[in-house]
C-alpha cells in the first residue's frame, strides 16, 4: 500500500536512521561558535550520562547522536587551530640550530 509503512519494518528503520544521520551531519556542518573547552566539557557530560546506564534505548541513541555531533565540532575546532598555526608559522621557516662547532 502506497504511503503506509509497517511499524518495525525495514523501511521505517532505514528512514529513521537516515533522518538521524541527516541531523548529525547538519549539526556538524553548522559553524562552531562554542569554545573548544566548552565542547569538550559538554562531550564529557554526554559520555558520563551514557556510561551511567540509566538511559532508555531512545535516550541513549539521542545522547550518542549529541556526542557524535560534539566530537565532530571539537575536531573542526582543532583543525581550524592547526590551520591558523600553520599559516602563522609559514613565513618563519628556519634551519635547525646546531650546537656543534665547526
PDB file of N, CA and C in Angstrom:
ATOM      1  N   UNK A   1       0.834  -1.173   0.000  1.00  0.00           N
ATOM      2  CA  UNK A   1       0.000   0.000   0.000  1.00  0.00           C
ATOM      3  C   UNK A   1       0.880   1.238   0.000  1.00  0.00           C
ATOM      4  N   UNK A   2       0.604   2.115  -0.906  1.00  0.00           N
ATOM      5  CA  UNK A   2       1.413   3.317  -1.045  1.00  0.00           C
ATOM      6  C   UNK A   2       1.230   4.220   0.164  1.00  0.00           C
ATOM      7  N   UNK A   3       2.354   4.752   0.661  1.00  0.00           N
ATOM      8  CA  UNK A   3       2.299   5.707   1.762  1.00  0.00           C
ATOM      9  C   UNK A   3       2.216   5.074   3.136  1.00  0.00           C
ATOM     10  N   UNK A   4       2.078   3.751   3.233  1.00  0.00           N
ATOM     11  CA  UNK A   4       1.998   3.103   4.536  1.00  0.00           C
ATOM     12  C   UNK A   4       3.289   2.341   4.793  1.00  0.00           C
ATOM     13  N   UNK A   5       3.726   2.419   6.021  1.00  0.00           N
ATOM     14  CA  UNK A   5       4.934   1.711   6.417  1.00  0.00           C
ATOM     15  C   UNK A   5       4.601   0.899   7.655  1.00  0.00           C
ATOM     16  N   UNK A   6       4.956  -0.356   7.637  1.00  0.00           N
ATOM     17  CA  UNK A   6       4.716  -1.201   8.796  1.00  0.00           C
ATOM     18  C   UNK A   6       5.678  -0.799   9.904  1.00  0.00           C
ATOM     19  N   UNK A   7       5.145  -0.597  11.105  1.00  0.00           N
ATOM     20  CA  UNK A   7       5.991  -0.243  12.235  1.00  0.00           C
ATOM     21  C   UNK A   7       6.930  -1.405  12.495  1.00  0.00           C
ATOM     22  N   UNK A   8       8.191  -1.096  12.673  1.00  0.00           N
ATOM     23  CA  UNK A   8       9.182  -2.131  12.898  1.00  0.00           C
ATOM     24  C   UNK A   8       9.714  -2.706  11.607  1.00  0.00           C
ATOM     25  N   UNK A   9       9.185  -2.257  10.488  1.00  0.00           N
ATOM     26  CA  UNK A   9       9.656  -2.751   9.202  1.00  0.00           C
ATOM     27  C   UNK A   9      10.984  -2.143   8.820  1.00  0.00           C
ATOM     28  N   UNK A  10      11.606  -2.756   7.855  1.00  0.00           N
ATOM     29  CA  UNK A  10      12.920  -2.320   7.417  1.00  0.00           C
ATOM     30  C   UNK A  10      12.923  -0.906   6.860  1.00  0.00           C
ATOM     31  N   UNK A  11      11.887  -0.539   6.100  1.00  0.00           N
ATOM     32  CA  UNK A  11      11.822   0.801   5.524  1.00  0.00           C
ATOM     33  C   UNK A  11      11.736   1.853   6.618  1.00  0.00           C
ATOM     34  N   UNK A  12      10.976   1.569   7.655  1.00  0.00           N
ATOM     35  CA  UNK A  12      10.857   2.505   8.769  1.00  0.00           C
ATOM     36  C   UNK A  12      12.210   2.681   9.450  1.00  0.00           C
ATOM     37  N   UNK A  13      12.902   1.585   9.694  1.00  0.00           N
ATOM     38  CA  UNK A  13      14.215   1.652  10.339  1.00  0.00           C
ATOM     39  C   UNK A  13      15.188   2.448   9.480  1.00  0.00           C
ATOM     40  N   UNK A  14      15.177   2.181   8.184  1.00  0.00           N
ATOM     41  CA  UNK A  14      16.094   2.863   7.280  1.00  0.00           C
ATOM     42  C   UNK A  14      15.807   4.360   7.256  1.00  0.00           C
ATOM     43  N   UNK A  15      14.520   4.734   7.162  1.00  0.00           N
ATOM     44  CA  UNK A  15      14.195   6.161   7.113  1.00  0.00           C
ATOM     45  C   UNK A  15      14.524   6.845   8.439  1.00  0.00           C
ATOM     46  N   UNK A  16      14.346   6.143   9.550  1.00  0.00           N
ATOM     47  CA  UNK A  16      14.687   6.703  10.854  1.00  0.00           C
ATOM     48  C   UNK A  16      16.190   6.917  10.963  1.00  0.00           C
ATOM     49  N   UNK A  17      16.967   5.929  10.532  1.00  0.00           N
ATOM     50  CA  UNK A  17      18.423   6.068  10.562  1.00  0.00           C
ATOM     51  C   UNK A  17      18.892   7.179   9.636  1.00  0.00           C
ATOM     52  N   UNK A  18      18.291   7.261   8.454  1.00  0.00           N
ATOM     53  CA  UNK A  18      18.651   8.328   7.517  1.00  0.00           C
ATOM     54  C   UNK A  18      18.358   9.698   8.122  1.00  0.00           C
ATOM     55  N   UNK A  19      17.223   9.830   8.789  1.00  0.00           N
ATOM     56  CA  UNK A  19      16.867  11.104   9.421  1.00  0.00           C
ATOM     57  C   UNK A  19      17.867  11.456  10.515  1.00  0.00           C
ATOM     58  N   UNK A  20      18.280  10.474  11.304  1.00  0.00           N
ATOM     59  CA  UNK A  20      19.263  10.720  12.362  1.00  0.00           C
ATOM     60  C   UNK A  20      20.602  11.124  11.767  1.00  0.00           C
ATOM     61  N   UNK A  21      21.021  10.417  10.713  1.00  0.00           N
ATOM     62  CA  UNK A  21      22.290  10.768  10.062  1.00  0.00           C
ATOM     63  C   UNK A  21      22.249  12.192   9.533  1.00  0.00           C
ATOM     64  N   UNK A  22      21.113  12.566   8.975  1.00  0.00           N
ATOM     65  CA  UNK A  22      20.963  13.921   8.445  1.00  0.00           C
ATOM     66  C   UNK A  22      21.074  14.949   9.560  1.00  0.00           C
ATOM     67  N   UNK A  23      20.431  14.688  10.709  1.00  0.00           N
ATOM     68  CA  UNK A  23      20.507  15.623  11.836  1.00  0.00           C
ATOM     69  C   UNK A  23      21.934  15.760  12.344  1.00  0.00           C
ATOM     70  N   UNK A  24      22.643  14.633  12.460  1.00  0.00           N
ATOM     71  CA  UNK A  24      24.026  14.671  12.937  1.00  0.00           C
ATOM     72  C   UNK A  24      24.905  15.404  11.933  1.00  0.00           C
ATOM     73  N   UNK A  25      24.729  15.119  10.638  1.00  0.00           N
ATOM     74  CA  UNK A  25      25.518  15.791   9.601  1.00  0.00           C
ATOM     75  C   UNK A  25      25.216  17.281   9.579  1.00  0.00           C
ATOM     76  N   UNK A  26      23.938  17.647   9.718  1.00  0.00           N
ATOM     77  CA  UNK A  26      23.562  19.061   9.737  1.00  0.00           C
ATOM     78  C   UNK A  26      24.195  19.773  10.926  1.00  0.00           C
ATOM     79  N   UNK A  27      24.174  19.123  12.072  1.00  0.00           N
ATOM     80  CA  UNK A  27      24.762  19.729  13.270  1.00  0.00           C
ATOM     81  C   UNK A  27      26.263  19.907  13.096  1.00  0.00           C
ATOM     82  N   UNK A  28      26.920  18.928  12.477  1.00  0.00           N
ATOM     83  CA  UNK A  28      28.363  19.018  12.266  1.00  0.00           C
ATOM     84  C   UNK A  28      28.713  20.090  11.249  1.00  0.00           C
ATOM     85  N   UNK A  29      27.808  20.360  10.317  1.00  0.00           N
ATOM     86  CA  UNK A  29      28.067  21.350   9.273  1.00  0.00           C
ATOM     87  C   UNK A  29      27.849  22.780   9.758  1.00  0.00           C
ATOM     88  N   UNK A  30      27.171  22.939  10.886  1.00  0.00           N
ATOM     89  CA  UNK A  30      26.911  24.277  11.415  1.00  0.00           C
ATOM     90  C   UNK A  30      28.222  24.903  11.884  1.00  0.00           C
ATOM     91  N   UNK A  31      28.355  26.224  11.734  1.00  0.00           N
ATOM     92  CA  UNK A  31      29.558  26.870  12.246  1.00  0.00           C
ATOM     93  C   UNK A  31      29.644  26.676  13.756  1.00  0.00           C
ATOM     94  N   UNK A  32      30.835  26.405  14.221  1.00  0.00           N
ATOM     95  CA  UNK A  32      31.035  26.127  15.638  1.00  0.00           C
ATOM     96  C   UNK A  32      31.414  27.429  16.328  1.00  0.00           C
ATOM     97  N   UNK A  33      30.485  27.975  17.104  1.00  0.00           N
ATOM     98  CA  UNK A  33      30.745  29.241  17.782  1.00  0.00           C
ATOM     99  C   UNK A  33      31.177  29.022  19.226  1.00  0.00           C
ATOM    100  N   UNK A  34      31.025  27.805  19.699  1.00  0.00           N
ATOM    101  CA  UNK A  34      31.391  27.484  21.068  1.00  0.00           C
ATOM    102  C   UNK A  34      32.901  27.323  21.193  1.00  0.00           C
ATOM    103  N   UNK A  35      33.416  27.630  22.371  1.00  0.00           N
ATOM    104  CA  UNK A  35      34.838  27.416  22.611  1.00  0.00           C
ATOM    105  C   UNK A  35      35.113  25.913  22.681  1.00  0.00           C
ATOM    106  N   UNK A  36      36.323  25.535  22.281  1.00  0.00           N
ATOM    107  CA  UNK A  36      36.721  24.130  22.275  1.00  0.00           C
ATOM    108  C   UNK A  36      36.546  23.503  23.659  1.00  0.00           C
ATOM    109  N   UNK A  37      36.965  24.215  24.683  1.00  0.00           N
ATOM    110  CA  UNK A  37      36.879  23.690  26.050  1.00  0.00           C
ATOM    111  C   UNK A  37      35.431  23.428  26.459  1.00  0.00           C
ATOM    112  N   UNK A  38      34.512  24.275  26.009  1.00  0.00           N
ATOM    113  CA  UNK A  38      33.095  24.073  26.310  1.00  0.00           C
ATOM    114  C   UNK A  38      32.553  22.840  25.594  1.00  0.00           C
ATOM    115  N   UNK A  39      33.004  22.645  24.366  1.00  0.00           N
ATOM    116  CA  UNK A  39      32.581  21.467  23.597  1.00  0.00           C
ATOM    117  C   UNK A  39      33.053  20.203  24.298  1.00  0.00           C
ATOM    118  N   UNK A  40      34.313  20.198  24.730  1.00  0.00           N
ATOM    119  CA  UNK A  40      34.869  19.024  25.413  1.00  0.00           C
ATOM    120  C   UNK A  40      34.125  18.760  26.721  1.00  0.00           C
ATOM    121  N   UNK A  41      33.794  19.807  27.455  1.00  0.00           N
ATOM    122  CA  UNK A  41      33.058  19.639  28.717  1.00  0.00           C
ATOM    123  C   UNK A  41      31.673  19.049  28.458  1.00  0.00           C
ATOM    124  N   UNK A  42      30.986  19.555  27.427  1.00  0.00           N
ATOM    125  CA  UNK A  42      29.663  19.010  27.086  1.00  0.00           C
ATOM    126  C   UNK A  42      29.778  17.553  26.661  1.00  0.00           C
ATOM    127  N   UNK A  43      30.806  17.238  25.874  1.00  0.00           N
ATOM    128  CA  UNK A  43      31.008  15.858  25.432  1.00  0.00           C
ATOM    129  C   UNK A  43      31.269  14.945  26.629  1.00  0.00           C
ATOM    130  N   UNK A  44      32.040  15.414  27.589  1.00  0.00           N
ATOM    131  CA  UNK A  44      32.316  14.620  28.794  1.00  0.00           C
ATOM    132  C   UNK A  44      31.025  14.330  29.560  1.00  0.00           C
ATOM    133  N   UNK A  45      30.133  15.321  29.639  1.00  0.00           N
ATOM    134  CA  UNK A  45      28.847  15.102  30.332  1.00  0.00           C
ATOM    135  C   UNK A  45      27.994  14.072  29.591  1.00  0.00           C
ATOM    136  N   UNK A  46      28.018  14.119  28.269  1.00  0.00           N
ATOM    137  CA  UNK A  46      27.260  13.138  27.476  1.00  0.00           C
ATOM    138  C   UNK A  46      27.812  11.740  27.734  1.00  0.00           C
ATOM    139  N   UNK A  47      29.130  11.613  27.734  1.00  0.00           N
ATOM    140  CA  UNK A  47      29.758  10.307  27.979  1.00  0.00           C
ATOM    141  C   UNK A  47      29.388   9.798  29.367  1.00  0.00           C
ATOM    142  N   UNK A  48      29.403  10.666  30.364  1.00  0.00           N
ATOM    143  CA  UNK A  48      29.017  10.262  31.723  1.00  0.00           C
ATOM    144  C   UNK A  48      27.584   9.744  31.757  1.00  0.00           C
ATOM    145  N   UNK A  49      26.678  10.455  31.052  1.00  0.00           N
ATOM    146  CA  UNK A  49      25.276  10.007  31.011  1.00  0.00           C
ATOM    147  C   UNK A  49      25.174   8.631  30.362  1.00  0.00           C
ATOM    148  N   UNK A  50      25.905   8.438  29.276  1.00  0.00           N
ATOM    149  CA  UNK A  50      25.850   7.148  28.587  1.00  0.00           C
ATOM    150  C   UNK A  50      26.449   6.036  29.452  1.00  0.00           C
ATOM    151  N   UNK A  51      27.558   6.322  30.105  1.00  0.00           N
ATOM    152  CA  UNK A  51      28.207   5.311  30.943  1.00  0.00           C
ATOM    153  C   UNK A  51      27.422   5.026  32.215  1.00  0.00           C
ATOM    154  N   UNK A  52      26.578   5.974  32.632  1.00  0.00           N
ATOM    155  CA  UNK A  52      25.776   5.791  33.841  1.00  0.00           C
ATOM    156  C   UNK A  52      24.786   4.647  33.723  1.00  0.00           C
ATOM    157  N   UNK A  53      24.353   4.367  32.515  1.00  0.00           N
ATOM    158  CA  UNK A  53      23.497   3.218  32.273  1.00  0.00           C
ATOM    159  C   UNK A  53      22.029   3.402  32.590  1.00  0.00           C
ATOM    160  N   UNK A  54      21.599   4.564  33.016  1.00  0.00           N
ATOM    161  CA  UNK A  54      20.201   4.749  33.377  1.00  0.00           C
ATOM    162  C   UNK A  54      19.311   5.254  32.257  1.00  0.00           C
ATOM    163  N   UNK A  55      19.830   5.313  31.046  1.00  0.00           N
ATOM    164  CA  UNK A  55      19.061   5.850  29.921  1.00  0.00           C
ATOM    165  C   UNK A  55      18.299   4.746  29.195  1.00  0.00           C
ATOM    166  N   UNK A  56      17.157   5.119  28.665  1.00  0.00           N
ATOM    167  CA  UNK A  56      16.430   4.181  27.805  1.00  0.00           C
ATOM    168  C   UNK A  56      17.179   4.075  26.480  1.00  0.00           C
ATOM    169  N   UNK A  57      16.755   3.158  25.646  1.00  0.00           N
ATOM    170  CA  UNK A  57      17.385   2.999  24.337  1.00  0.00           C
ATOM    171  C   UNK A  57      17.286   4.296  23.540  1.00  0.00           C
ATOM    172  N   UNK A  58      16.097   4.892  23.526  1.00  0.00           N
ATOM    173  CA  UNK A  58      15.890   6.126  22.770  1.00  0.00           C
ATOM    174  C   UNK A  58      16.754   7.259  23.317  1.00  0.00           C
ATOM    175  N   UNK A  59      16.828   7.363  24.646  1.00  0.00           N
ATOM    176  CA  UNK A  59      17.663   8.397  25.261  1.00  0.00           C
ATOM    177  C   UNK A  59      19.138   8.152  24.965  1.00  0.00           C
ATOM    178  N   UNK A  60      19.527   6.884  24.965  1.00  0.00           N
ATOM    179  CA  UNK A  60      20.918   6.535  24.655  1.00  0.00           C
ATOM    180  C   UNK A  60      21.278   6.920  23.229  1.00  0.00           C
ATOM    181  N   UNK A  61      20.383   6.629  22.292  1.00  0.00           N
ATOM    182  CA  UNK A  61      20.627   6.975  20.890  1.00  0.00           C
ATOM    183  C   UNK A  61      20.717   8.489  20.736  1.00  0.00           C
ATOM    184  N   UNK A  62      19.816   9.220  21.387  1.00  0.00           N
ATOM    185  CA  UNK A  62      19.836  10.686  21.306  1.00  0.00           C
ATOM    186  C   UNK A  62      21.130  11.242  21.903  1.00  0.00           C
ATOM    187  N   UNK A  63      21.557  10.688  23.035  1.00  0.00           N
ATOM    188  CA  UNK A  63      22.802  11.138  23.663  1.00  0.00           C
ATOM    189  C   UNK A  63      23.993  10.798  22.778  1.00  0.00           C
ATOM    190  N   UNK A  64      23.967   9.624  22.172  1.00  0.00           N
ATOM    191  CA  UNK A  64      25.048   9.224  21.265  1.00  0.00           C
ATOM    192  C   UNK A  64      25.126  10.180  20.079  1.00  0.00           C
ATOM    193  N   UNK A  65      23.963  10.520  19.514  1.00  0.00           N
ATOM    194  CA  UNK A  65      23.916  11.486  18.402  1.00  0.00           C
ATOM    195  C   UNK A  65      24.523  12.818  18.824  1.00  0.00           C
ATOM    196  N   UNK A  66      24.144  13.277  20.009  1.00  0.00           N
ATOM    197  CA  UNK A  66      24.683  14.539  20.513  1.00  0.00           C
ATOM    198  C   UNK A  66      26.199  14.442  20.669  1.00  0.00           C
ATOM    199  N   UNK A  67      26.652  13.322  21.205  1.00  0.00           N
ATOM    200  CA  UNK A  67      28.090  13.120  21.394  1.00  0.00           C
ATOM    201  C   UNK A  67      28.857  13.118  20.086  1.00  0.00           C
ATOM    202  N   UNK A  68      28.309  12.459  19.076  1.00  0.00           N
ATOM    203  CA  UNK A  68      28.961  12.441  17.762  1.00  0.00           C
ATOM    204  C   UNK A  68      29.050  13.860  17.210  1.00  0.00           C
ATOM    205  N   UNK A  69      27.974  14.612  17.327  1.00  0.00           N
ATOM    206  CA  UNK A  69      27.983  16.000  16.861  1.00  0.00           C
ATOM    207  C   UNK A  69      29.027  16.837  17.589  1.00  0.00           C
ATOM    208  N   UNK A  70      29.120  16.651  18.904  1.00  0.00           N
ATOM    209  CA  UNK A  70      30.106  17.391  19.688  1.00  0.00           C
ATOM    210  C   UNK A  70      31.527  16.972  19.329  1.00  0.00           C
ATOM    211  N   UNK A  71      31.745  15.672  19.132  1.00  0.00           N
ATOM    212  CA  UNK A  71      33.077  15.197  18.745  1.00  0.00           C
ATOM    213  C   UNK A  71      33.491  15.794  17.405  1.00  0.00           C
ATOM    214  N   UNK A  72      32.565  15.841  16.476  1.00  0.00           N
ATOM    215  CA  UNK A  72      32.868  16.433  15.166  1.00  0.00           C
ATOM    216  C   UNK A  72      33.125  17.929  15.290  1.00  0.00           C
ATOM    217  N   UNK A  73      32.348  18.604  16.123  1.00  0.00           N
ATOM    218  CA  UNK A  73      32.550  20.041  16.329  1.00  0.00           C
ATOM    219  C   UNK A  73      33.920  20.301  16.953  1.00  0.00           C
ATOM    220  N   UNK A  74      34.306  19.463  17.908  1.00  0.00           N
ATOM    221  CA  UNK A  74      35.624  19.605  18.527  1.00  0.00           C
ATOM    222  C   UNK A  74      36.746  19.368  17.532  1.00  0.00           C
ATOM    223  N   UNK A  75      36.574  18.354  16.689  1.00  0.00           N
ATOM    224  CA  UNK A  75      37.581  18.074  15.659  1.00  0.00           C
ATOM    225  C   UNK A  75      37.705  19.247  14.694  1.00  0.00           C
ATOM    226  N   UNK A  76      36.577  19.856  14.352  1.00  0.00           N
ATOM    227  CA  UNK A  76      36.593  21.025  13.466  1.00  0.00           C
ATOM    228  C   UNK A  76      37.363  22.168  14.110  1.00  0.00           C
ATOM    229  N   UNK A  77      37.120  22.398  15.397  1.00  0.00           N
ATOM    230  CA  UNK A  77      37.839  23.457  16.114  1.00  0.00           C
ATOM    231  C   UNK A  77      39.345  23.196  16.105  1.00  0.00           C
ATOM    232  N   UNK A  78      39.739  21.945  16.339  1.00  0.00           N
ATOM    233  CA  UNK A  78      41.164  21.609  16.341  1.00  0.00           C
ATOM    234  C   UNK A  78      41.783  21.811  14.962  1.00  0.00           C
ATOM    235  N   UNK A  79      41.071  21.406  13.913  1.00  0.00           N
ATOM    236  CA  UNK A  79      41.570  21.595  12.548  1.00  0.00           C
ATOM    237  C   UNK A  79      41.741  23.079  12.234  1.00  0.00           C
ATOM    238  N   UNK A  80      40.784  23.901  12.663  1.00  0.00           N
ATOM    239  CA  UNK A  80      40.885  25.349  12.449  1.00  0.00           C
ATOM    240  C   UNK A  80      42.114  25.909  13.161  1.00  0.00           C
ATOM    241  N   UNK A  81      42.354  25.461  14.378  1.00  0.00           N
ATOM    242  CA  UNK A  81      43.511  25.932  15.142  1.00  0.00           C
ATOM    243  C   UNK A  81      44.812  25.503  14.465  1.00  0.00           C
ATOM    244  N   UNK A  82      44.866  24.256  13.981  1.00  0.00           N
ATOM    245  CA  UNK A  82      46.056  23.773  13.273  1.00  0.00           C
ATOM    246  C   UNK A  82      46.344  24.620  12.043  1.00  0.00           C
ATOM    247  N   UNK A  83      45.301  24.920  11.270  1.00  0.00           N
ATOM    248  CA  UNK A  83      45.493  25.738  10.067  1.00  0.00           C
ATOM    249  C   UNK A  83      46.008  27.129  10.431  1.00  0.00           C
ATOM    250  N   UNK A  84      45.488  27.703  11.496  1.00  0.00           N
ATOM    251  CA  UNK A  84      45.951  29.023  11.931  1.00  0.00           C
ATOM    252  C   UNK A  84      47.427  28.991  12.296  1.00  0.00           C
ATOM    253  N   UNK A  85      47.814  27.974  13.061  1.00  0.00           N
ATOM    254  CA  UNK A  85      49.212  27.849  13.480  1.00  0.00           C
ATOM    255  C   UNK A  85      50.105  27.665  12.255  1.00  0.00           C
ATOM    256  N   UNK A  86      49.682  26.832  11.310  1.00  0.00           N
ATOM    257  CA  UNK A  86      50.474  26.621  10.095  1.00  0.00           C
ATOM    258  C   UNK A  86      50.651  27.918   9.320  1.00  0.00           C
ATOM    259  N   UNK A  87      49.596  28.707   9.207  1.00  0.00           N
ATOM    260  CA  UNK A  87      49.678  29.990   8.499  1.00  0.00           C
ATOM    261  C   UNK A  87      50.625  30.934   9.232  1.00  0.00           C
ATOM    262  N   UNK A  88      50.518  30.975  10.547  1.00  0.00           N
ATOM    263  CA  UNK A  88      51.378  31.863  11.326  1.00  0.00           C
ATOM    264  C   UNK A  88      52.847  31.470  11.229  1.00  0.00           C
ATOM    265  N   UNK A  89      53.113  30.180  11.148  1.00  0.00           N
ATOM    266  CA  UNK A  89      54.496  29.707  11.093  1.00  0.00           C
ATOM    267  C   UNK A  89      55.048  29.637   9.672  1.00  0.00           C
ATOM    268  N   UNK A  90      54.208  29.797   8.684  1.00  0.00           N
ATOM    269  CA  UNK A  90      54.615  29.646   7.290  1.00  0.00           C
ATOM    270  C   UNK A  90      55.834  30.492   6.934  1.00  0.00           C
ATOM    271  N   UNK A  91      55.869  31.738   7.284  1.00  0.00           N
ATOM    272  CA  UNK A  91      56.982  32.613   6.945  1.00  0.00           C
ATOM    273  C   UNK A  91      58.133  32.527   7.915  1.00  0.00           C
ATOM    274  N   UNK A  92      58.034  31.644   8.876  1.00  0.00           N
ATOM    275  CA  UNK A  92      59.028  31.553   9.940  1.00  0.00           C
ATOM    276  C   UNK A  92      59.830  30.264   9.852  1.00  0.00           C
ATOM    277  N   UNK A  93      60.050  29.775   8.657  1.00  0.00           N
ATOM    278  CA  UNK A  93      60.816  28.536   8.484  1.00  0.00           C
ATOM    279  C   UNK A  93      62.308  28.861   8.533  1.00  0.00           C
ATOM    280  N   UNK A  94      63.002  28.260   9.474  1.00  0.00           N
ATOM    281  CA  UNK A  94      64.442  28.471   9.597  1.00  0.00           C
ATOM    282  C   UNK A  94      65.133  27.131   9.714  1.00  0.00           C
ATOM    283  N   UNK A  95      66.439  27.150   9.548  1.00  0.00           N
ATOM    284  CA  UNK A  95      67.229  25.927   9.691  1.00  0.00           C
ATOM    285  C   UNK A  95      67.375  25.618  11.175  1.00  0.00           C
ATOM    286  N   UNK A  96      67.442  24.338  11.526  1.00  0.00           N
ATOM    287  CA  UNK A  96      67.610  23.987  12.937  1.00  0.00           C
ATOM    288  C   UNK A  96      68.944  24.517  13.475  1.00  0.00           C
ATOM    289  N   UNK A  97      68.959  24.885  14.721  1.00  0.00           N
ATOM    290  CA  UNK A  97      70.148  25.403  15.381  1.00  0.00           C
ATOM    291  C   UNK A  97      71.068  24.247  15.726  1.00  0.00           C
ATOM    292  N   UNK A  98      72.346  24.398  15.416  1.00  0.00           N
ATOM    293  CA  UNK A  98      73.318  23.358  15.717  1.00  0.00           C
ATOM    294  C   UNK A  98      74.234  23.850  16.827  1.00  0.00           C
ATOM    295  N   UNK A  99      74.471  23.009  17.820  1.00  0.00           N
ATOM    296  CA  UNK A  99      75.350  23.386  18.926  1.00  0.00           C
ATOM    297  C   UNK A  99      76.778  22.926  18.688  1.00  0.00           C
ATOM    298  N   UNK A 100      77.024  22.188  17.627  1.00  0.00           N
ATOM    299  CA  UNK A 100      78.372  21.695  17.332  1.00  0.00           C
ATOM    300  C   UNK A 100      79.186  22.787  16.651  1.00  0.00           C
ATOM    301  N   UNK A 101      80.429  22.952  17.125  1.00  0.00           N
ATOM    302  CA  UNK A 101      81.320  23.924  16.494  1.00  0.00           C
ATOM    303  C   UNK A 101      82.008  23.271  15.322  1.00  0.00           C
ATOM    304  N   UNK A 102      82.289  24.073  14.317  1.00  0.00           N
ATOM    305  CA  UNK A 102      82.975  23.547  13.130  1.00  0.00           C
ATOM    306  C   UNK A 102      84.417  23.904  13.161  1.00  0.00           C
TER     307      UNK A 102
END
